[in-house]
Amino acid sequence: MADQDPELQSLDDLAAEADEMELADEAALDELDAVIAERDEMKDRFMRALADAENVRKRADRDRREAENYGGSKLARDLLPVYDNLSRALDTIPEDKRADQAAFIEGIELTMRELLSVFKKHGIEIVEPQVGDRFDPQQHQAMFEAPLPDTKAGDIIQVAAVGFMLHDRLLRPAQVGVSSTPG
């Protein structure tokens, strides 16, 4: 190579250098492609993690609301017999004795109003069907069925006990008698 023209030698050197640069460029492009793929994978993982975190937040919020609204349902169910007993106590006092027992009756009525106020404050509503209403299995429990003239099958003929809803959930169905008179 020593007898080669210096100009040719520098051209050969430049060609070799260009080949090396081309190889370096290909390696850099390959490395860039790998970095872009890794970035895209990380971005995808980040977006999935973000979506998962949002789902967990929504689920926790829903669970908190449910616990807030329905967490006291066991206590509420345990208080329903208190309402029933106060209601029965008021119903058993004959009209002719009400004047003699006015203070006692007023005490029971005040207690009943306070209990109903607490129920309302905590989202407990009374389900009070009337005779003649249609039986609704979502809110009523049929205690008996009997044929009764001038009624249609499925009509409520007697209300044995009122029911209760806690927000939008049935706490206790109203207990009713239902007509079985054929249409």
N, C-alpha and C. Protein backbone atom coordinates (compact mmCIF):
# COMPACT_ATOMS: atom_id res chain seq x y z
N MET A 1 0.80 -1.17 0.00
CA MET A 1 0.00 0.00 0.00
C MET A 1 0.85 1.25 0.00
N ALA A 2 2.04 1.05 0.34
CA ALA A 2 2.92 2.20 0.38
C ALA A 2 3.12 2.78 -1.00
N ASP A 3 3.09 1.94 -2.09
CA ASP A 3 3.30 2.49 -3.41
C ASP A 3 2.00 3.01 -4.00
N GLN A 4 0.95 2.98 -3.32
CA GLN A 4 -0.33 3.47 -3.82
C GLN A 4 -0.39 4.97 -3.74
N ASP A 5 -1.13 5.51 -4.67
CA ASP A 5 -1.30 6.96 -4.75
C ASP A 5 -1.95 7.43 -3.44
N PRO A 6 -1.38 8.51 -2.84
CA PRO A 6 -1.96 8.98 -1.58
C PRO A 6 -3.41 9.40 -1.74
N GLU A 7 -3.77 9.84 -2.92
CA GLU A 7 -5.15 10.26 -3.12
C GLU A 7 -6.07 9.05 -3.09
N LEU A 8 -5.63 7.95 -3.71
CA LEU A 8 -6.43 6.73 -3.70
C LEU A 8 -6.52 6.17 -2.29
N GLN A 9 -5.41 6.30 -1.60
CA GLN A 9 -5.42 5.81 -0.22
C GLN A 9 -6.42 6.59 0.61
N SER A 10 -6.46 7.89 0.45
CA SER A 10 -7.40 8.68 1.23
C SER A 10 -8.82 8.38 0.80
N LEU A 11 -9.04 8.05 -0.52
CA LEU A 11 -10.37 7.66 -0.97
C LEU A 11 -10.77 6.33 -0.35
N ASP A 12 -9.81 5.42 -0.29
CA ASP A 12 -10.09 4.13 0.34
C ASP A 12 -10.40 4.33 1.82
N ASP A 13 -9.64 5.20 2.44
CA ASP A 13 -9.88 5.51 3.86
C ASP A 13 -11.26 6.12 4.04
N LEU A 14 -11.61 7.04 3.13
CA LEU A 14 -12.94 7.68 3.22
C LEU A 14 -14.05 6.66 3.00
N ALA A 15 -13.88 5.73 2.07
CA ALA A 15 -14.89 4.69 1.81
C ALA A 15 -15.03 3.79 3.03
N ALA A 16 -13.89 3.43 3.63
CA ALA A 16 -13.93 2.58 4.83
C ALA A 16 -14.61 3.32 5.96
N GLU A 17 -14.27 4.61 6.06
CA GLU A 17 -14.88 5.44 7.10
C GLU A 17 -16.38 5.55 6.86
N ALA A 18 -16.80 5.70 5.61
CA ALA A 18 -18.23 5.79 5.27
C ALA A 18 -18.93 4.48 5.61
N ASP A 19 -18.26 3.34 5.33
CA ASP A 19 -18.84 2.03 5.66
C ASP A 19 -19.02 1.91 7.17
N GLU A 20 -18.00 2.35 7.89
CA GLU A 20 -18.08 2.30 9.36
C GLU A 20 -19.22 3.19 9.86
N MET A 21 -19.35 4.39 9.25
CA MET A 21 -20.41 5.31 9.66
C MET A 21 -21.78 4.72 9.34
N GLU A 22 -21.85 4.04 8.16
CA GLU A 22 -23.10 3.42 7.78
C GLU A 22 -23.49 2.33 8.78
N LEU A 23 -22.50 1.52 9.18
CA LEU A 23 -22.74 0.49 10.18
C LEU A 23 -23.13 1.12 11.52
N ALA A 24 -22.46 2.22 11.87
CA ALA A 24 -22.77 2.91 13.12
C ALA A 24 -24.18 3.49 13.06
N ASP A 25 -24.55 4.04 11.86
CA ASP A 25 -25.90 4.59 11.70
C ASP A 25 -26.95 3.49 11.84
N GLU A 26 -26.69 2.31 11.24
CA GLU A 26 -27.62 1.19 11.36
C GLU A 26 -27.73 0.75 12.82
N ALA A 27 -26.61 0.70 13.50
CA ALA A 27 -26.63 0.32 14.92
C ALA A 27 -27.39 1.37 15.72
N ALA A 28 -27.17 2.65 15.41
CA ALA A 28 -27.88 3.73 16.11
C ALA A 28 -29.37 3.64 15.83
N LEU A 29 -29.75 3.35 14.58
CA LEU A 29 -31.18 3.21 14.24
C LEU A 29 -31.79 2.01 14.96
N ASP A 30 -31.04 0.91 15.01
CA ASP A 30 -31.53 -0.26 15.74
C ASP A 30 -31.72 0.07 17.22
N GLU A 31 -30.72 0.79 17.77
CA GLU A 31 -30.81 1.19 19.18
C GLU A 31 -31.99 2.14 19.39
N LEU A 32 -32.18 3.07 18.46
CA LEU A 32 -33.30 4.01 18.54
C LEU A 32 -34.63 3.27 18.46
N ASP A 33 -34.74 2.28 17.57
CA ASP A 33 -35.96 1.48 17.47
C ASP A 33 -36.22 0.73 18.78
N ALA A 34 -35.18 0.21 19.38
CA ALA A 34 -35.33 -0.50 20.65
C ALA A 34 -35.79 0.45 21.75
N VAL A 35 -35.21 1.66 21.77
CA VAL A 35 -35.60 2.65 22.78
C VAL A 35 -37.06 3.08 22.58
N ILE A 36 -37.46 3.27 21.32
CA ILE A 36 -38.85 3.64 21.02
C ILE A 36 -39.81 2.52 21.44
N ALA A 37 -39.46 1.28 21.16
CA ALA A 37 -40.30 0.14 21.55
C ALA A 37 -40.42 0.07 23.07
N GLU A 38 -39.29 0.28 23.76
CA GLU A 38 -39.31 0.27 25.23
C GLU A 38 -40.18 1.41 25.76
N ARG A 39 -40.04 2.60 25.14
CA ARG A 39 -40.87 3.75 25.55
C ARG A 39 -42.36 3.43 25.36
N ASP A 40 -42.70 2.86 24.21
CA ASP A 40 -44.11 2.53 23.93
C ASP A 40 -44.64 1.51 24.93
N GLU A 41 -43.80 0.52 25.27
CA GLU A 41 -44.21 -0.48 26.26
C GLU A 41 -44.41 0.17 27.64
N MET A 42 -43.49 1.04 28.02
CA MET A 42 -43.62 1.74 29.31
C MET A 42 -44.85 2.64 29.33
N LYS A 43 -45.10 3.31 28.21
CA LYS A 43 -46.29 4.17 28.12
C LYS A 43 -47.56 3.33 28.27
N ASP A 44 -47.59 2.18 27.60
CA ASP A 44 -48.74 1.29 27.70
C ASP A 44 -48.94 0.80 29.13
N ARG A 45 -47.83 0.40 29.77
CA ARG A 45 -47.91 -0.07 31.16
C ARG A 45 -48.37 1.05 32.09
N PHE A 46 -47.87 2.28 31.83
CA PHE A 46 -48.28 3.43 32.63
C PHE A 46 -49.77 3.69 32.48
N MET A 47 -50.27 3.66 31.23
CA MET A 47 -51.69 3.91 30.99
C MET A 47 -52.56 2.84 31.65
N ARG A 48 -52.11 1.59 31.60
CA ARG A 48 -52.86 0.51 32.26
C ARG A 48 -52.85 0.70 33.78
N ALA A 49 -51.70 1.07 34.32
CA ALA A 49 -51.62 1.31 35.77
C ALA A 49 -52.50 2.48 36.17
N LEU A 50 -52.54 3.50 35.35
CA LEU A 50 -53.39 4.66 35.61
C LEU A 50 -54.87 4.25 35.58
N ALA A 51 -55.25 3.45 34.60
CA ALA A 51 -56.63 2.96 34.51
C ALA A 51 -56.98 2.08 35.71
N ASP A 52 -56.05 1.21 36.10
CA ASP A 52 -56.27 0.36 37.27
C ASP A 52 -56.45 1.20 38.53
N ALA A 53 -55.62 2.22 38.68
CA ALA A 53 -55.74 3.10 39.86
C ALA A 53 -57.08 3.81 39.87
N GLU A 54 -57.54 4.26 38.72
CA GLU A 54 -58.85 4.93 38.63
C GLU A 54 -59.98 3.95 38.97
N ASN A 55 -59.87 2.71 38.49
CA ASN A 55 -60.88 1.70 38.82
C ASN A 55 -60.90 1.40 40.31
N VAL A 56 -59.74 1.31 40.91
CA VAL A 56 -59.65 1.07 42.35
C VAL A 56 -60.26 2.24 43.12
N ARG A 57 -60.00 3.47 42.67
CA ARG A 57 -60.57 4.64 43.32
C ARG A 57 -62.10 4.62 43.23
N LYS A 58 -62.62 4.32 42.03
CA LYS A 58 -64.08 4.26 41.84
C LYS A 58 -64.70 3.17 42.70
N ARG A 59 -64.06 2.00 42.74
CA ARG A 59 -64.58 0.89 43.54
C ARG A 59 -64.56 1.24 45.02
N ALA A 60 -63.50 1.87 45.47
CA ALA A 60 -63.41 2.27 46.88
C ALA A 60 -64.47 3.31 47.21
N ASP A 61 -64.70 4.23 46.30
CA ASP A 61 -65.73 5.26 46.50
C ASP A 61 -67.11 4.61 46.58
N ARG A 62 -67.38 3.67 45.66
CA ARG A 62 -68.67 2.96 45.68
C ARG A 62 -68.82 2.15 46.97
N ASP A 63 -67.77 1.46 47.40
CA ASP A 63 -67.82 0.68 48.63
C ASP A 63 -68.04 1.57 49.84
N ARG A 64 -67.42 2.75 49.84
CA ARG A 64 -67.60 3.69 50.94
C ARG A 64 -69.05 4.16 51.01
N ARG A 65 -69.61 4.51 49.84
CA ARG A 65 -71.01 4.96 49.79
C ARG A 65 -71.95 3.85 50.26
N GLU A 66 -71.71 2.63 49.81
CA GLU A 66 -72.55 1.51 50.24
C GLU A 66 -72.44 1.28 51.73
N ALA A 67 -71.24 1.35 52.27
CA ALA A 67 -71.06 1.17 53.71
C ALA A 67 -71.77 2.28 54.48
N GLU A 68 -71.70 3.49 53.94
CA GLU A 68 -72.36 4.62 54.58
C GLU A 68 -73.88 4.45 54.55
N ASN A 69 -74.42 4.03 53.41
CA ASN A 69 -75.87 3.90 53.26
C ASN A 69 -76.43 2.64 53.90
N TYR A 70 -75.71 1.53 53.81
CA TYR A 70 -76.28 0.25 54.23
C TYR A 70 -75.55 -0.41 55.39
N GLY A 71 -74.54 0.25 55.92
CA GLY A 71 -73.76 -0.34 57.01
C GLY A 71 -74.59 -0.56 58.27
N GLY A 72 -75.60 0.26 58.49
CA GLY A 72 -76.43 0.14 59.68
C GLY A 72 -77.68 -0.67 59.48
N SER A 73 -77.73 -1.47 58.40
CA SER A 73 -78.96 -2.21 58.11
C SER A 73 -79.29 -3.25 59.18
N LYS A 74 -78.28 -3.84 59.79
CA LYS A 74 -78.55 -4.82 60.85
C LYS A 74 -79.19 -4.12 62.05
N LEU A 75 -78.66 -2.98 62.44
CA LEU A 75 -79.25 -2.22 63.54
C LEU A 75 -80.66 -1.77 63.17
N ALA A 76 -80.83 -1.29 61.96
CA ALA A 76 -82.16 -0.85 61.50
C ALA A 76 -83.16 -2.00 61.58
N ARG A 77 -82.76 -3.20 61.12
CA ARG A 77 -83.64 -4.37 61.19
C ARG A 77 -84.00 -4.69 62.65
N ASP A 78 -83.03 -4.51 63.54
CA ASP A 78 -83.29 -4.79 64.95
C ASP A 78 -84.23 -3.78 65.58
N LEU A 79 -84.34 -2.57 65.00
CA LEU A 79 -85.24 -1.54 65.53
C LEU A 79 -86.67 -1.68 65.02
N LEU A 80 -86.89 -2.43 63.97
CA LEU A 80 -88.23 -2.56 63.40
C LEU A 80 -89.25 -3.14 64.39
N PRO A 81 -88.90 -4.13 65.21
CA PRO A 81 -89.86 -4.61 66.20
C PRO A 81 -90.25 -3.53 67.22
N VAL A 82 -89.36 -2.58 67.48
CA VAL A 82 -89.70 -1.47 68.38
C VAL A 82 -90.85 -0.67 67.76
N TYR A 83 -90.74 -0.37 66.47
CA TYR A 83 -91.82 0.33 65.77
C TYR A 83 -93.10 -0.49 65.84
N ASP A 84 -93.00 -1.80 65.55
CA ASP A 84 -94.18 -2.67 65.57
C ASP A 84 -94.85 -2.66 66.93
N ASN A 85 -94.06 -2.75 68.00
CA ASN A 85 -94.63 -2.79 69.35
C ASN A 85 -95.28 -1.46 69.74
N LEU A 86 -94.65 -0.35 69.39
CA LEU A 86 -95.26 0.95 69.68
C LEU A 86 -96.56 1.12 68.89
N SER A 87 -96.56 0.68 67.66
CA SER A 87 -97.76 0.76 66.82
C SER A 87 -98.88 -0.11 67.40
N ARG A 88 -98.54 -1.32 67.80
CA ARG A 88 -99.55 -2.22 68.43
C ARG A 88 -100.08 -1.62 69.73
N ALA A 89 -99.18 -1.01 70.51
CA ALA A 89 -99.61 -0.40 71.78
C ALA A 89 -100.64 0.70 71.51
N LEU A 90 -100.41 1.51 70.52
CA LEU A 90 -101.36 2.58 70.19
C LEU A 90 -102.67 2.01 69.65
N ASP A 91 -102.57 0.94 68.87
CA ASP A 91 -103.78 0.34 68.28
C ASP A 91 -104.66 -0.38 69.30
N THR A 92 -104.08 -0.85 70.39
CA THR A 92 -104.86 -1.63 71.35
C THR A 92 -105.62 -0.77 72.35
N ILE A 93 -105.34 0.51 72.39
CA ILE A 93 -106.05 1.38 73.35
C ILE A 93 -107.43 1.70 72.78
N PRO A 94 -108.48 1.28 73.47
CA PRO A 94 -109.84 1.55 72.98
C PRO A 94 -110.14 3.05 73.00
N GLU A 95 -111.01 3.47 72.10
CA GLU A 95 -111.36 4.90 71.97
C GLU A 95 -111.93 5.46 73.27
N ASP A 96 -112.73 4.68 74.00
CA ASP A 96 -113.35 5.19 75.23
C ASP A 96 -112.34 5.36 76.36
N LYS A 97 -111.19 4.74 76.28
CA LYS A 97 -110.16 4.86 77.31
C LYS A 97 -109.09 5.91 76.97
N ARG A 98 -109.12 6.43 75.76
CA ARG A 98 -108.07 7.37 75.31
C ARG A 98 -108.05 8.64 76.15
N ALA A 99 -109.18 9.14 76.56
CA ALA A 99 -109.22 10.38 77.36
C ALA A 99 -108.58 10.14 78.73
N ASP A 100 -108.83 8.98 79.31
CA ASP A 100 -108.26 8.65 80.63
C ASP A 100 -106.74 8.46 80.57
N GLN A 101 -106.27 8.01 79.43
CA GLN A 101 -104.83 7.68 79.28
C GLN A 101 -104.10 8.69 78.40
N ALA A 102 -104.59 9.92 78.32
CA ALA A 102 -104.06 10.91 77.38
C ALA A 102 -102.55 11.13 77.52
N ALA A 103 -102.06 11.26 78.73
CA ALA A 103 -100.62 11.51 78.94
C ALA A 103 -99.80 10.30 78.52
N PHE A 104 -100.28 9.12 78.86
CA PHE A 104 -99.58 7.88 78.50
C PHE A 104 -99.54 7.72 76.98
N ILE A 105 -100.68 7.96 76.35
CA ILE A 105 -100.76 7.85 74.89
C ILE A 105 -99.87 8.88 74.22
N GLU A 106 -99.85 10.10 74.75
CA GLU A 106 -98.99 11.15 74.20
C GLU A 106 -97.52 10.75 74.28
N GLY A 107 -97.14 10.10 75.36
CA GLY A 107 -95.75 9.63 75.51
C GLY A 107 -95.40 8.59 74.46
N ILE A 108 -96.31 7.67 74.23
CA ILE A 108 -96.08 6.64 73.20
C ILE A 108 -96.00 7.29 71.82
N GLU A 109 -96.91 8.23 71.54
CA GLU A 109 -96.92 8.90 70.24
C GLU A 109 -95.64 9.72 70.03
N LEU A 110 -95.16 10.39 71.07
CA LEU A 110 -93.91 11.15 70.95
C LEU A 110 -92.73 10.21 70.67
N THR A 111 -92.72 9.08 71.36
CA THR A 111 -91.66 8.10 71.14
C THR A 111 -91.72 7.57 69.70
N MET A 112 -92.93 7.31 69.22
CA MET A 112 -93.12 6.82 67.85
C MET A 112 -92.66 7.88 66.84
N ARG A 113 -93.02 9.14 67.06
CA ARG A 113 -92.59 10.22 66.15
C ARG A 113 -91.07 10.35 66.14
N GLU A 114 -90.45 10.24 67.30
CA GLU A 114 -88.98 10.34 67.38
C GLU A 114 -88.33 9.17 66.63
N LEU A 115 -88.88 7.98 66.79
CA LEU A 115 -88.36 6.81 66.09
C LEU A 115 -88.49 7.00 64.58
N LEU A 116 -89.64 7.49 64.13
CA LEU A 116 -89.85 7.74 62.70
C LEU A 116 -88.92 8.83 62.19
N SER A 117 -88.65 9.82 63.01
CA SER A 117 -87.71 10.89 62.64
C SER A 117 -86.30 10.32 62.45
N VAL A 118 -85.88 9.45 63.35
CA VAL A 118 -84.57 8.81 63.24
C VAL A 118 -84.53 7.93 61.99
N PHE A 119 -85.62 7.19 61.74
CA PHE A 119 -85.69 6.37 60.53
C PHE A 119 -85.50 7.24 59.29
N LYS A 120 -86.23 8.33 59.21
CA LYS A 120 -86.17 9.21 58.04
C LYS A 120 -84.75 9.79 57.88
N LYS A 121 -84.15 10.18 58.99
CA LYS A 121 -82.80 10.75 58.97
C LYS A 121 -81.78 9.77 58.37
N HIS A 122 -82.02 8.48 58.58
CA HIS A 122 -81.08 7.46 58.12
C HIS A 122 -81.56 6.73 56.86
N GLY A 123 -82.58 7.29 56.20
CA GLY A 123 -83.02 6.74 54.91
C GLY A 123 -83.95 5.56 55.00
N ILE A 124 -84.58 5.36 56.13
CA ILE A 124 -85.52 4.25 56.28
C ILE A 124 -86.93 4.78 56.02
N GLU A 125 -87.60 4.20 55.03
CA GLU A 125 -88.95 4.62 54.65
C GLU A 125 -89.91 3.46 54.88
N ILE A 126 -91.13 3.80 55.27
CA ILE A 126 -92.16 2.79 55.50
C ILE A 126 -92.80 2.40 54.17
N VAL A 127 -92.98 1.11 53.96
CA VAL A 127 -93.72 0.58 52.82
C VAL A 127 -95.07 0.17 53.38
N GLU A 128 -96.09 0.99 53.10
CA GLU A 128 -97.41 0.77 53.71
C GLU A 128 -98.45 0.58 52.62
N PRO A 129 -98.63 -0.68 52.16
CA PRO A 129 -99.64 -0.93 51.13
C PRO A 129 -101.05 -0.75 51.70
N GLN A 130 -101.99 -0.48 50.82
CA GLN A 130 -103.38 -0.32 51.23
C GLN A 130 -104.19 -1.50 50.69
N VAL A 131 -105.28 -1.79 51.36
CA VAL A 131 -106.20 -2.83 50.88
C VAL A 131 -106.68 -2.40 49.50
N GLY A 132 -106.62 -3.33 48.56
CA GLY A 132 -107.02 -3.05 47.18
C GLY A 132 -105.83 -2.84 46.26
N ASP A 133 -104.65 -2.54 46.80
CA ASP A 133 -103.44 -2.40 45.98
C ASP A 133 -103.09 -3.76 45.37
N ARG A 134 -102.32 -3.73 44.30
CA ARG A 134 -101.83 -4.98 43.69
C ARG A 134 -100.65 -5.51 44.50
N PHE A 135 -100.60 -6.82 44.63
CA PHE A 135 -99.48 -7.47 45.31
C PHE A 135 -98.22 -7.29 44.47
N ASP A 136 -97.14 -6.83 45.11
CA ASP A 136 -95.84 -6.63 44.46
C ASP A 136 -94.81 -7.49 45.19
N PRO A 137 -94.37 -8.58 44.60
CA PRO A 137 -93.42 -9.46 45.29
C PRO A 137 -92.09 -8.79 45.62
N GLN A 138 -91.80 -7.63 44.99
CA GLN A 138 -90.57 -6.90 45.30
C GLN A 138 -90.67 -6.16 46.62
N GLN A 139 -91.90 -5.89 47.09
CA GLN A 139 -92.08 -5.12 48.33
C GLN A 139 -92.99 -5.80 49.34
N HIS A 140 -93.71 -6.83 48.93
CA HIS A 140 -94.68 -7.47 49.82
C HIS A 140 -94.37 -8.95 50.00
N GLN A 141 -94.79 -9.46 51.14
CA GLN A 141 -94.67 -10.89 51.42
C GLN A 141 -96.09 -11.38 51.68
N ALA A 142 -96.55 -12.34 50.88
CA ALA A 142 -97.90 -12.89 51.04
C ALA A 142 -97.90 -13.83 52.25
N MET A 143 -98.69 -13.48 53.25
CA MET A 143 -98.78 -14.33 54.45
C MET A 143 -99.87 -15.39 54.28
N PHE A 144 -100.89 -15.07 53.49
CA PHE A 144 -101.95 -16.04 53.19
C PHE A 144 -102.65 -15.60 51.91
N GLU A 145 -103.40 -16.55 51.36
CA GLU A 145 -104.19 -16.29 50.18
C GLU A 145 -105.60 -16.76 50.48
N ALA A 146 -106.60 -15.96 50.13
CA ALA A 146 -107.98 -16.34 50.40
C ALA A 146 -108.88 -15.76 49.32
N PRO A 147 -109.93 -16.51 48.96
CA PRO A 147 -110.88 -15.96 47.99
C PRO A 147 -111.77 -14.93 48.69
N LEU A 148 -111.94 -13.77 48.09
CA LEU A 148 -112.78 -12.73 48.67
C LEU A 148 -113.62 -12.14 47.54
N PRO A 149 -114.93 -12.15 47.72
CA PRO A 149 -115.79 -11.61 46.65
C PRO A 149 -115.45 -10.15 46.35
N ASP A 150 -115.71 -9.74 45.13
CA ASP A 150 -115.49 -8.37 44.65
C ASP A 150 -114.02 -7.96 44.64
N THR A 151 -113.13 -8.92 44.55
CA THR A 151 -111.69 -8.63 44.41
C THR A 151 -111.15 -9.46 43.25
N LYS A 152 -110.00 -9.06 42.77
CA LYS A 152 -109.32 -9.82 41.72
C LYS A 152 -108.14 -10.57 42.34
N ALA A 153 -107.75 -11.66 41.73
CA ALA A 153 -106.59 -12.41 42.20
C ALA A 153 -105.37 -11.49 42.18
N GLY A 154 -104.64 -11.46 43.27
CA GLY A 154 -103.45 -10.62 43.37
C GLY A 154 -103.70 -9.30 44.06
N ASP A 155 -104.94 -9.01 44.43
CA ASP A 155 -105.23 -7.79 45.19
C ASP A 155 -104.92 -8.01 46.66
N ILE A 156 -104.42 -6.99 47.32
CA ILE A 156 -104.16 -7.07 48.76
C ILE A 156 -105.50 -6.93 49.48
N ILE A 157 -105.79 -7.89 50.36
CA ILE A 157 -107.05 -7.86 51.11
C ILE A 157 -106.84 -7.55 52.59
N GLN A 158 -105.61 -7.66 53.06
CA GLN A 158 -105.32 -7.34 54.45
C GLN A 158 -103.83 -7.01 54.59
N VAL A 159 -103.52 -6.03 55.45
CA VAL A 159 -102.13 -5.68 55.73
C VAL A 159 -101.85 -6.11 57.17
N ALA A 160 -100.99 -7.11 57.34
CA ALA A 160 -100.65 -7.61 58.67
C ALA A 160 -99.54 -6.78 59.30
N ALA A 161 -98.58 -6.36 58.52
CA ALA A 161 -97.46 -5.55 59.03
C ALA A 161 -96.89 -4.72 57.89
N VAL A 162 -96.51 -3.49 58.21
CA VAL A 162 -95.89 -2.63 57.20
C VAL A 162 -94.46 -3.11 56.93
N GLY A 163 -93.95 -2.72 55.79
CA GLY A 163 -92.58 -3.05 55.43
C GLY A 163 -91.70 -1.81 55.51
N PHE A 164 -90.42 -1.99 55.26
CA PHE A 164 -89.47 -0.88 55.34
C PHE A 164 -88.42 -1.00 54.24
N MET A 165 -88.04 0.16 53.69
CA MET A 165 -86.96 0.26 52.72
C MET A 165 -85.82 1.04 53.36
N LEU A 166 -84.60 0.62 53.10
CA LEU A 166 -83.42 1.37 53.51
C LEU A 166 -82.81 1.91 52.22
N HIS A 167 -83.01 3.20 51.98
CA HIS A 167 -82.67 3.85 50.72
C HIS A 167 -83.40 3.11 49.59
N ASP A 168 -82.70 2.38 48.76
CA ASP A 168 -83.38 1.68 47.66
C ASP A 168 -83.41 0.17 47.86
N ARG A 169 -83.08 -0.30 49.05
CA ARG A 169 -83.09 -1.74 49.34
C ARG A 169 -84.21 -2.07 50.31
N LEU A 170 -84.81 -3.22 50.08
CA LEU A 170 -85.87 -3.68 50.96
C LEU A 170 -85.26 -4.18 52.27
N LEU A 171 -85.70 -3.57 53.36
CA LEU A 171 -85.22 -3.98 54.68
C LEU A 171 -86.11 -5.11 55.22
N ARG A 172 -87.44 -4.90 55.06
CA ARG A 172 -88.41 -5.92 55.46
C ARG A 172 -89.63 -5.74 54.57
N PRO A 173 -90.12 -6.83 53.96
CA PRO A 173 -91.30 -6.69 53.12
C PRO A 173 -92.55 -6.48 53.97
N ALA A 174 -93.53 -5.78 53.40
CA ALA A 174 -94.82 -5.64 54.07
C ALA A 174 -95.50 -7.00 54.04
N GLN A 175 -96.08 -7.38 55.15
CA GLN A 175 -96.74 -8.69 55.25
C GLN A 175 -98.22 -8.48 54.97
N VAL A 176 -98.71 -9.16 53.92
CA VAL A 176 -100.08 -8.93 53.45
C VAL A 176 -100.81 -10.23 53.18
N GLY A 177 -102.15 -10.12 53.18
CA GLY A 177 -103.01 -11.20 52.71
C GLY A 177 -103.41 -10.85 51.29
N VAL A 178 -103.50 -11.86 50.43
CA VAL A 178 -103.76 -11.65 49.01
C VAL A 178 -105.00 -12.42 48.58
N SER A 179 -105.78 -11.80 47.72
CA SER A 179 -106.98 -12.45 47.19
C SER A 179 -106.60 -13.52 46.19
N SER A 180 -107.32 -14.64 46.25
CA SER A 180 -107.10 -15.70 45.28
C SER A 180 -108.35 -15.88 44.41
N THR A 181 -109.25 -14.92 44.48
CA THR A 181 -110.48 -15.00 43.69
C THR A 181 -110.13 -15.00 42.21
N PRO A 182 -110.61 -15.99 41.48
CA PRO A 182 -110.29 -16.03 40.05
C PRO A 182 -110.92 -14.84 39.33
N GLY A 183 -110.22 -14.35 38.32
CA GLY A 183 -110.69 -13.21 37.54
C GLY A 183 -111.80 -13.66 36.65
